Structures are given as structure tokens and as C-alpha cells.
Amino acid sequence: MIEFQGKVALVTGGTRGIGRACASILAECGARVAICGRTAETSQAAAAELAAATGGEVRGYGCDIASAEAVNAMVKAIEADLGPIAILVNNAGVTRDTLLMRMKDDDWNAVLNANLTGAFHCCRAVARGMLKERWGRIINISSIVGVRGQAGQANYAASKAGLIGFTKSLARELGSRGITVNAIAPGYIDTDMTAVLSDELKQAIVQQVPMGKVGAAQDIAAGVKYLASEGAAYVTGAVLHIDGGLAM
């Protein structure tokens, strides 16, 4: 498939899990893909694996997206290596779960900086190029936790709820210039992040899912593929729930 032939895509947190699946499907569809992770070594190794598996062009970059300077430098490097970024998938995220009364300032700030401020940095860095081209796709990976909340995850829920508001505001700003901005709210997806949950908690969550099963990273990637496509050219400011019905 060559649906995204000639397009450059950046996937943050693209070395594993949902981000890796998103990078894979974009590369399979012809995009020139940049992935970023915490270190250049990890990102470059993952990029080499993805390139071999998909037959596409994938490059890895190390970046602390909580740093505006680091993000700006990364975007400049990607543009020099691959060309203007047309598709941005803000997937990078961290958790530091604990109850409010035990939550430290560092727990709060680390999660908000990575999950929300990092997305802001990336959007701002790529928007100028998208505005010049009068075409762009920005897809922010939020969470069902940002819609429903979750005890012990006040910081994570706040960051993901903030991402939804950010998405809608940016969609209003950029819509007239051919740039769509949407969010995906995954439910319970089988990733490294959820693997640390106890078996009892996993079973309790699955029992709440109308479809009675967990999702896969590829389910989220399919949503990204749709929102990045020409078929979604009239979709902006939307939140696509991919959660087996959990948010109903």
C-alpha cells in the first residue's frame, strides 16, 4: 500500500507498544517515518527493526519531548533527513501512579510534562511546516482515563483530559488551513504499560469491557491510519474511542 507515499510522519514514543504499531502501519503505507524515544540508541535500534519488517524507511531519534529546545532540534534534524513533517502522532507518555495524598510534586510534574507539555512542544514545532504546505494530520493519543478518570492516576488522567481539550482548541485554530487535529482514546490495550498490572486488576477491567477482551496496539494503529488518510479529510476535533465499548 502506498497511501502515504511521499509523506513524512513523526511518531513520538515509537519504540514500543502503541507507538511502534503506529509507526509500522504508516511505514507499510509508504510514509517516511521518524520515531523518537528517550535515547538515540534505543530509537535507532527500533527503527532498524521496523524498517526491516515493513520494507519502509524508518529513522530513530532520541529526544526528551518535555524540553522545547530538544524537540525543536529533533524536528529540524528530521526535516533535514526526510523532509517536512506532514503527519504527527503524539503517543509518548509516562505514568507515576499513586493516590493523591501520596503524590509528590515530581510525580505530577513528570507526567504532565511528558504527556501534555510534550505534545504541545511537538505540535508547535511541526505546525509551521504544515501551515506552509496547507496540509497536515495531527493525532494525539489520549486515554479512556482522560474521559472517565481513574483512582490513583490523577496526574495521568489530568494529562490525558488536557490533551483532549488541547486537540479541540488546535483543531479550531488550524482547520481552515487544511490541517486536521484529532485524538484517539484507547481503552485497555495490551502493552508494556498495562503488563505491570496485577492479574486481579486485569480481570476486573476486562469484566467491564462490553466486548469482553483487551485490545491490541494494532487496533489503535488502525485508527491512526484512518485519521491520517484522505478519507478523514473532513474529520477534525474528534475523539475516537477505541476501547471495546468501555467508555459507554
C-alpha atoms as a PDB file:
ATOM      1  CA  MET A   1       0.000   0.000   0.000  1.00  0.00           C
ATOM      2  CA  ILE A   2       1.283   3.492  -0.846  1.00  0.00           C
ATOM      3  CA  GLU A   3      -1.453   5.615   0.713  1.00  0.00           C
ATOM      4  CA  PHE A   4       1.078   7.895   2.411  1.00  0.00           C
ATOM      5  CA  GLN A   5       3.742   7.826  -0.278  1.00  0.00           C
ATOM      6  CA  GLY A   6       5.868  10.957  -0.067  1.00  0.00           C
ATOM      7  CA  LYS A   7       4.559  11.936   3.385  1.00  0.00           C
ATOM      8  CA  VAL A   8       6.849  12.251   6.386  1.00  0.00           C
ATOM      9  CA  ALA A   9       5.452  11.049   9.700  1.00  0.00           C
ATOM     10  CA  LEU A  10       6.762  11.548  13.230  1.00  0.00           C
ATOM     11  CA  VAL A  11       5.636   9.153  15.958  1.00  0.00           C
ATOM     12  CA  THR A  12       6.700  10.017  19.482  1.00  0.00           C
ATOM     13  CA  GLY A  13       7.186   7.104  21.838  1.00  0.00           C
ATOM     14  CA  GLY A  14       7.534   4.996  18.720  1.00  0.00           C
ATOM     15  CA  THR A  15       9.988   2.400  20.022  1.00  0.00           C
ATOM     16  CA  ARG A  16       7.406   0.049  21.549  1.00  0.00           C
ATOM     17  CA  GLY A  17       3.741  -0.644  22.182  1.00  0.00           C
ATOM     18  CA  ILE A  18       1.137   1.580  20.555  1.00  0.00           C
ATOM     19  CA  GLY A  19       3.718   3.940  19.095  1.00  0.00           C
ATOM     20  CA  ARG A  20       5.639   1.134  17.440  1.00  0.00           C
ATOM     21  CA  ALA A  21       2.429  -0.254  15.914  1.00  0.00           C
ATOM     22  CA  CYS A  22       1.526   3.203  14.590  1.00  0.00           C
ATOM     23  CA  ALA A  23       4.979   3.662  13.071  1.00  0.00           C
ATOM     24  CA  SER A  24       4.758   0.234  11.488  1.00  0.00           C
ATOM     25  CA  ILE A  25       1.415   0.805   9.781  1.00  0.00           C
ATOM     26  CA  LEU A  26       2.469   4.225   8.465  1.00  0.00           C
ATOM     27  CA  ALA A  27       5.692   2.768   7.046  1.00  0.00           C
ATOM     28  CA  GLU A  28       3.765  -0.097   5.464  1.00  0.00           C
ATOM     29  CA  CYS A  29       1.583   2.508   3.759  1.00  0.00           C
ATOM     30  CA  GLY A  30       4.544   4.304   2.222  1.00  0.00           C
ATOM     31  CA  ALA A  31       5.310   7.091   4.697  1.00  0.00           C
ATOM     32  CA  ARG A  32       8.875   8.014   5.559  1.00  0.00           C
ATOM     33  CA  VAL A  33       8.720   7.547   9.311  1.00  0.00           C
ATOM     34  CA  ALA A  34      10.675   9.112  12.149  1.00  0.00           C
ATOM     35  CA  ILE A  35      10.299   7.654  15.611  1.00  0.00           C
ATOM     36  CA  CYS A  36      11.590   9.168  18.797  1.00  0.00           C
ATOM     37  CA  GLY A  37      12.317   7.648  22.161  1.00  0.00           C
ATOM     38  CA  ARG A  38      14.273   8.594  25.237  1.00  0.00           C
ATOM     39  CA  THR A  39      17.656   7.670  23.765  1.00  0.00           C
ATOM     40  CA  ALA A  40      19.068   7.727  20.263  1.00  0.00           C
ATOM     41  CA  GLU A  41      20.417   4.191  20.650  1.00  0.00           C
ATOM     42  CA  THR A  42      17.044   2.666  21.561  1.00  0.00           C
ATOM     43  CA  SER A  43      15.236   4.644  18.868  1.00  0.00           C
ATOM     44  CA  GLN A  44      17.718   3.749  16.143  1.00  0.00           C
ATOM     45  CA  ALA A  45      17.603   0.063  17.053  1.00  0.00           C
ATOM     46  CA  ALA A  46      13.788   0.061  16.944  1.00  0.00           C
ATOM     47  CA  ALA A  47      13.841   1.972  13.660  1.00  0.00           C
ATOM     48  CA  ALA A  48      16.145  -0.597  12.076  1.00  0.00           C
ATOM     49  CA  GLU A  49      13.827  -3.402  13.166  1.00  0.00           C
ATOM     50  CA  LEU A  50      10.768  -1.601  11.807  1.00  0.00           C
ATOM     51  CA  ALA A  51      12.479  -0.842   8.506  1.00  0.00           C
ATOM     52  CA  ALA A  52      13.415  -4.496   8.095  1.00  0.00           C
ATOM     53  CA  ALA A  53       9.907  -5.676   8.972  1.00  0.00           C
ATOM     54  CA  THR A  54       7.996  -3.205   6.791  1.00  0.00           C
ATOM     55  CA  GLY A  55      10.386  -2.602   3.918  1.00  0.00           C
ATOM     56  CA  GLY A  56       9.880   1.119   4.514  1.00  0.00           C
ATOM     57  CA  GLU A  57      12.127   3.969   5.554  1.00  0.00           C
ATOM     58  CA  VAL A  58      12.216   4.431   9.330  1.00  0.00           C
ATOM     59  CA  ARG A  59      14.702   6.530  11.281  1.00  0.00           C
ATOM     60  CA  GLY A  60      15.160   6.861  15.027  1.00  0.00           C
ATOM     61  CA  TYR A  61      15.878   9.957  17.110  1.00  0.00           C
ATOM     62  CA  GLY A  62      16.476  10.422  20.801  1.00  0.00           C
ATOM     63  CA  CYS A  63      14.542  13.268  22.382  1.00  0.00           C
ATOM     64  CA  ASP A  64      13.216  14.469  25.723  1.00  0.00           C
ATOM     65  CA  ILE A  65       9.921  15.894  24.487  1.00  0.00           C
ATOM     66  CA  ALA A  66       9.433  17.744  27.771  1.00  0.00           C
ATOM     67  CA  SER A  67      12.200  20.070  26.522  1.00  0.00           C
ATOM     68  CA  ALA A  68      11.154  22.587  23.885  1.00  0.00           C
ATOM     69  CA  GLU A  69      14.761  23.014  22.767  1.00  0.00           C
ATOM     70  CA  ALA A  70      15.224  19.272  22.318  1.00  0.00           C
ATOM     71  CA  VAL A  71      12.000  18.961  20.314  1.00  0.00           C
ATOM     72  CA  ASN A  72      12.912  21.883  18.052  1.00  0.00           C
ATOM     73  CA  ALA A  73      16.325  20.362  17.394  1.00  0.00           C
ATOM     74  CA  MET A  74      14.792  16.961  16.637  1.00  0.00           C
ATOM     75  CA  VAL A  75      12.251  18.401  14.202  1.00  0.00           C
ATOM     76  CA  LYS A  76      14.986  20.308  12.378  1.00  0.00           C
ATOM     77  CA  ALA A  77      17.009  17.105  12.090  1.00  0.00           C
ATOM     78  CA  ILE A  78      14.033  15.149  10.758  1.00  0.00           C
ATOM     79  CA  GLU A  79      13.244  17.845   8.217  1.00  0.00           C
ATOM     80  CA  ALA A  80      16.863  17.807   7.058  1.00  0.00           C
ATOM     81  CA  ASP A  81      16.921  13.997   6.813  1.00  0.00           C
ATOM     82  CA  LEU A  82      13.450  13.241   5.489  1.00  0.00           C
ATOM     83  CA  GLY A  83      11.581  16.443   4.614  1.00  0.00           C
ATOM     84  CA  PRO A  84       8.713  18.456   6.118  1.00  0.00           C
ATOM     85  CA  ILE A  85       6.618  16.567   8.657  1.00  0.00           C
ATOM     86  CA  ALA A  86       3.076  16.014   7.385  1.00  0.00           C
ATOM     87  CA  ILE A  87       1.788  13.534   9.984  1.00  0.00           C
ATOM     88  CA  LEU A  88       2.397  13.832  13.716  1.00  0.00           C
ATOM     89  CA  VAL A  89       1.355  11.143  16.180  1.00  0.00           C
ATOM     90  CA  ASN A  90       1.786  12.323  19.766  1.00  0.00           C
ATOM     91  CA  ASN A  91       1.965   8.995  21.558  1.00  0.00           C
ATOM     92  CA  ALA A  92       4.788   9.369  24.092  1.00  0.00           C
ATOM     93  CA  GLY A  93       3.604   9.080  27.665  1.00  0.00           C
ATOM     94  CA  VAL A  94       4.579   8.055  31.167  1.00  0.00           C
ATOM     95  CA  THR A  95       2.776   7.070  34.353  1.00  0.00           C
ATOM     96  CA  ARG A  96       3.600   7.607  38.011  1.00  0.00           C
ATOM     97  CA  ASP A  97       0.568   6.124  39.703  1.00  0.00           C
ATOM     98  CA  THR A  98      -0.263   6.773  43.326  1.00  0.00           C
ATOM     99  CA  LEU A  99      -3.106   8.164  45.400  1.00  0.00           C
ATOM    100  CA  LEU A 100      -3.421  11.927  45.663  1.00  0.00           C
ATOM    101  CA  MET A 101      -2.289  12.147  49.286  1.00  0.00           C
ATOM    102  CA  ARG A 102       0.878  10.245  48.417  1.00  0.00           C
ATOM    103  CA  MET A 103       1.552  12.022  45.135  1.00  0.00           C
ATOM    104  CA  LYS A 104       4.674  14.151  45.110  1.00  0.00           C
ATOM    105  CA  ASP A 105       5.143  17.276  43.046  1.00  0.00           C
ATOM    106  CA  ASP A 106       7.687  15.411  40.923  1.00  0.00           C
ATOM    107  CA  ASP A 107       5.112  12.687  40.183  1.00  0.00           C
ATOM    108  CA  TRP A 108       2.638  15.293  38.983  1.00  0.00           C
ATOM    109  CA  ASN A 109       5.087  17.387  37.005  1.00  0.00           C
ATOM    110  CA  ALA A 110       6.828  14.469  35.292  1.00  0.00           C
ATOM    111  CA  VAL A 111       3.563  13.094  33.919  1.00  0.00           C
ATOM    112  CA  LEU A 112       2.118  16.454  32.839  1.00  0.00           C
ATOM    113  CA  ASN A 113       5.392  17.496  31.232  1.00  0.00           C
ATOM    114  CA  ALA A 114       5.771  14.301  29.208  1.00  0.00           C
ATOM    115  CA  ASN A 115       2.152  13.631  28.291  1.00  0.00           C
ATOM    116  CA  LEU A 116       0.744  17.111  27.741  1.00  0.00           C
ATOM    117  CA  THR A 117       3.525  19.666  27.520  1.00  0.00           C
ATOM    118  CA  GLY A 118       5.484  17.308  25.273  1.00  0.00           C
ATOM    119  CA  ALA A 119       2.577  17.159  22.819  1.00  0.00           C
ATOM    120  CA  PHE A 120       2.376  20.948  22.872  1.00  0.00           C
ATOM    121  CA  HIS A 121       6.079  21.215  22.058  1.00  0.00           C
ATOM    122  CA  CYS A 122       5.782  18.779  19.152  1.00  0.00           C
ATOM    123  CA  CYS A 123       2.658  20.393  17.692  1.00  0.00           C
ATOM    124  CA  ARG A 124       4.183  23.853  17.836  1.00  0.00           C
ATOM    125  CA  ALA A 125       7.395  22.638  16.228  1.00  0.00           C
ATOM    126  CA  VAL A 126       5.709  20.976  13.233  1.00  0.00           C
ATOM    127  CA  ALA A 127       2.802  23.386  12.736  1.00  0.00           C
ATOM    128  CA  ARG A 128       4.772  25.961  10.786  1.00  0.00           C
ATOM    129  CA  GLY A 129       5.709  23.444   8.118  1.00  0.00           C
ATOM    130  CA  MET A 130       2.148  22.127   7.912  1.00  0.00           C
ATOM    131  CA  LEU A 131       0.787  25.663   7.568  1.00  0.00           C
ATOM    132  CA  LYS A 132       3.218  26.321   4.727  1.00  0.00           C
ATOM    133  CA  GLU A 133       2.109  23.153   2.937  1.00  0.00           C
ATOM    134  CA  ARG A 134      -1.573  23.759   3.806  1.00  0.00           C
ATOM    135  CA  TRP A 135      -1.870  20.073   4.727  1.00  0.00           C
ATOM    136  CA  GLY A 136      -1.276  18.154   7.892  1.00  0.00           C
ATOM    137  CA  ARG A 137      -2.537  15.466  10.230  1.00  0.00           C
ATOM    138  CA  ILE A 138      -2.036  15.704  13.986  1.00  0.00           C
ATOM    139  CA  ILE A 139      -3.202  12.726  16.041  1.00  0.00           C
ATOM    140  CA  ASN A 140      -2.931  12.861  19.822  1.00  0.00           C
ATOM    141  CA  ILE A 141      -3.107   9.617  21.758  1.00  0.00           C
ATOM    142  CA  SER A 142      -5.223  10.325  24.830  1.00  0.00           C
ATOM    143  CA  SER A 143      -6.829   7.637  27.014  1.00  0.00           C
ATOM    144  CA  ILE A 144     -10.139   6.452  28.364  1.00  0.00           C
ATOM    145  CA  VAL A 145      -8.701   7.531  31.725  1.00  0.00           C
ATOM    146  CA  GLY A 146      -8.845  11.105  30.456  1.00  0.00           C
ATOM    147  CA  VAL A 147     -12.578  10.664  29.896  1.00  0.00           C
ATOM    148  CA  ARG A 148     -13.616   8.578  32.925  1.00  0.00           C
ATOM    149  CA  GLY A 149     -10.871   9.237  35.441  1.00  0.00           C
ATOM    150  CA  GLN A 150      -9.137   6.564  37.486  1.00  0.00           C
ATOM    151  CA  ALA A 151      -8.304   6.359  41.167  1.00  0.00           C
ATOM    152  CA  GLY A 152      -4.565   6.525  41.694  1.00  0.00           C
ATOM    153  CA  GLN A 153      -3.989   8.214  38.340  1.00  0.00           C
ATOM    154  CA  ALA A 154      -4.961  11.844  38.932  1.00  0.00           C
ATOM    155  CA  ASN A 155      -1.811  13.055  37.174  1.00  0.00           C
ATOM    156  CA  TYR A 156      -2.216  10.726  34.182  1.00  0.00           C
ATOM    157  CA  ALA A 157      -5.951  11.442  33.875  1.00  0.00           C
ATOM    158  CA  ALA A 158      -5.343  15.188  34.013  1.00  0.00           C
ATOM    159  CA  SER A 159      -2.705  14.962  31.290  1.00  0.00           C
ATOM    160  CA  LYS A 160      -4.912  12.884  29.002  1.00  0.00           C
ATOM    161  CA  ALA A 161      -8.025  15.004  29.609  1.00  0.00           C
ATOM    162  CA  GLY A 162      -5.926  18.089  28.919  1.00  0.00           C
ATOM    163  CA  LEU A 163      -4.807  16.508  25.657  1.00  0.00           C
ATOM    164  CA  ILE A 164      -8.432  16.274  24.536  1.00  0.00           C
ATOM    165  CA  GLY A 165      -9.061  19.960  25.238  1.00  0.00           C
ATOM    166  CA  PHE A 166      -5.791  20.823  23.522  1.00  0.00           C
ATOM    167  CA  THR A 167      -6.834  18.769  20.495  1.00  0.00           C
ATOM    168  CA  LYS A 168     -10.172  20.567  20.124  1.00  0.00           C
ATOM    169  CA  SER A 169      -8.619  24.004  20.514  1.00  0.00           C
ATOM    170  CA  LEU A 170      -5.887  23.295  17.977  1.00  0.00           C
ATOM    171  CA  ALA A 171      -8.440  21.869  15.547  1.00  0.00           C
ATOM    172  CA  ARG A 172     -10.257  25.205  15.627  1.00  0.00           C
ATOM    173  CA  GLU A 173      -7.035  27.125  15.032  1.00  0.00           C
ATOM    174  CA  LEU A 174      -5.731  25.043  12.136  1.00  0.00           C
ATOM    175  CA  GLY A 175      -8.830  23.704  10.396  1.00  0.00           C
ATOM    176  CA  SER A 176      -9.050  26.435   7.761  1.00  0.00           C
ATOM    177  CA  ARG A 177      -5.503  25.668   6.631  1.00  0.00           C
ATOM    178  CA  GLY A 178      -6.086  22.040   5.681  1.00  0.00           C
ATOM    179  CA  ILE A 179      -4.730  20.632   8.929  1.00  0.00           C
ATOM    180  CA  THR A 180      -6.828  18.201  10.948  1.00  0.00           C
ATOM    181  CA  VAL A 181      -6.270  17.580  14.643  1.00  0.00           C
ATOM    182  CA  ASN A 182      -7.880  14.594  16.315  1.00  0.00           C
ATOM    183  CA  ALA A 183      -7.446  12.421  19.373  1.00  0.00           C
ATOM    184  CA  ILE A 184      -7.719   8.709  19.996  1.00  0.00           C
ATOM    185  CA  ALA A 185      -8.771   7.486  23.426  1.00  0.00           C
ATOM    186  CA  PRO A 186      -7.596   3.891  23.813  1.00  0.00           C
ATOM    187  CA  GLY A 187      -9.197   1.653  26.377  1.00  0.00           C
ATOM    188  CA  TYR A 188      -7.449  -1.320  27.957  1.00  0.00           C
ATOM    189  CA  ILE A 189      -4.720  -2.213  25.470  1.00  0.00           C
ATOM    190  CA  ASP A 190      -2.184  -4.995  25.874  1.00  0.00           C
ATOM    191  CA  THR A 191       1.117  -3.077  26.163  1.00  0.00           C
ATOM    192  CA  ASP A 192       4.151  -2.875  28.442  1.00  0.00           C
ATOM    193  CA  MET A 193       2.359  -0.158  30.411  1.00  0.00           C
ATOM    194  CA  THR A 194      -0.585  -2.409  31.265  1.00  0.00           C
ATOM    195  CA  ALA A 195       1.550  -5.535  31.692  1.00  0.00           C
ATOM    196  CA  VAL A 196       2.601  -4.375  35.157  1.00  0.00           C
ATOM    197  CA  LEU A 197      -0.976  -4.514  36.458  1.00  0.00           C
ATOM    198  CA  SER A 198      -1.900  -7.392  38.727  1.00  0.00           C
ATOM    199  CA  ASP A 199      -3.855 -10.309  37.276  1.00  0.00           C
ATOM    200  CA  GLU A 200      -6.761  -9.466  39.573  1.00  0.00           C
ATOM    201  CA  LEU A 201      -6.922  -5.891  38.300  1.00  0.00           C
ATOM    202  CA  LYS A 202      -6.619  -7.006  34.687  1.00  0.00           C
ATOM    203  CA  GLN A 203      -9.529  -9.415  35.139  1.00  0.00           C
ATOM    204  CA  ALA A 204     -11.623  -6.727  36.816  1.00  0.00           C
ATOM    205  CA  ILE A 205     -11.021  -4.346  33.920  1.00  0.00           C
ATOM    206  CA  VAL A 206     -11.852  -6.936  31.270  1.00  0.00           C
ATOM    207  CA  GLN A 207     -15.134  -7.679  33.028  1.00  0.00           C
ATOM    208  CA  GLN A 208     -16.131  -4.045  32.443  1.00  0.00           C
ATOM    209  CA  VAL A 209     -15.434  -4.194  28.700  1.00  0.00           C
ATOM    210  CA  PRO A 210     -18.614  -4.966  26.701  1.00  0.00           C
ATOM    211  CA  MET A 211     -16.571  -6.881  24.129  1.00  0.00           C
ATOM    212  CA  GLY A 212     -15.059  -8.958  26.923  1.00  0.00           C
ATOM    213  CA  LYS A 213     -11.450  -8.734  25.822  1.00  0.00           C
ATOM    214  CA  VAL A 214      -8.420  -6.470  25.801  1.00  0.00           C
ATOM    215  CA  GLY A 215      -7.384  -4.528  22.733  1.00  0.00           C
ATOM    216  CA  ALA A 216      -4.154  -4.725  20.759  1.00  0.00           C
ATOM    217  CA  ALA A 217      -1.757  -1.969  19.776  1.00  0.00           C
ATOM    218  CA  GLN A 218      -2.691  -2.685  16.163  1.00  0.00           C
ATOM    219  CA  ASP A 219      -6.266  -1.601  16.925  1.00  0.00           C
ATOM    220  CA  ILE A 220      -5.012   1.870  17.798  1.00  0.00           C
ATOM    221  CA  ALA A 221      -2.703   1.913  14.786  1.00  0.00           C
ATOM    222  CA  ALA A 222      -5.681   1.247  12.520  1.00  0.00           C
ATOM    223  CA  GLY A 223      -7.361   4.335  13.957  1.00  0.00           C
ATOM    224  CA  VAL A 224      -4.236   6.384  13.313  1.00  0.00           C
ATOM    225  CA  LYS A 225      -4.132   5.154   9.730  1.00  0.00           C
ATOM    226  CA  TYR A 226      -7.723   6.277   9.208  1.00  0.00           C
ATOM    227  CA  LEU A 227      -7.299   9.710  10.789  1.00  0.00           C
ATOM    228  CA  ALA A 228      -4.133  10.324   8.749  1.00  0.00           C
ATOM    229  CA  SER A 229      -5.813   9.339   5.488  1.00  0.00           C
ATOM    230  CA  GLU A 230      -7.624  11.402   2.876  1.00  0.00           C
ATOM    231  CA  GLY A 231     -10.738   9.522   3.916  1.00  0.00           C
ATOM    232  CA  ALA A 232     -10.682  11.505   7.152  1.00  0.00           C
ATOM    233  CA  ALA A 233     -10.123  14.879   5.494  1.00  0.00           C
ATOM    234  CA  TYR A 234     -13.407  16.219   6.959  1.00  0.00           C
ATOM    235  CA  VAL A 235     -12.786  14.868  10.458  1.00  0.00           C
ATOM    236  CA  THR A 236     -11.242  17.265  12.965  1.00  0.00           C
ATOM    237  CA  GLY A 237     -11.597  17.978  16.673  1.00  0.00           C
ATOM    238  CA  ALA A 238     -12.895  14.434  17.170  1.00  0.00           C
ATOM    239  CA  VAL A 239     -12.104  11.921  19.900  1.00  0.00           C
ATOM    240  CA  LEU A 240     -12.116   8.388  18.526  1.00  0.00           C
ATOM    241  CA  HIS A 241     -12.760   5.860  21.291  1.00  0.00           C
ATOM    242  CA  ILE A 242     -11.072   2.524  20.625  1.00  0.00           C
ATOM    243  CA  ASP A 243     -11.949   0.688  23.803  1.00  0.00           C
ATOM    244  CA  GLY A 244     -14.261  -2.247  23.158  1.00  0.00           C
ATOM    245  CA  GLY A 245     -17.169  -0.144  24.407  1.00  0.00           C
ATOM    246  CA  LEU A 246     -15.630   0.596  27.796  1.00  0.00           C
ATOM    247  CA  ALA A 247     -16.460   4.316  27.689  1.00  0.00           C
ATOM    248  CA  MET A 248     -20.189   3.792  27.054  1.00  0.00           C
END
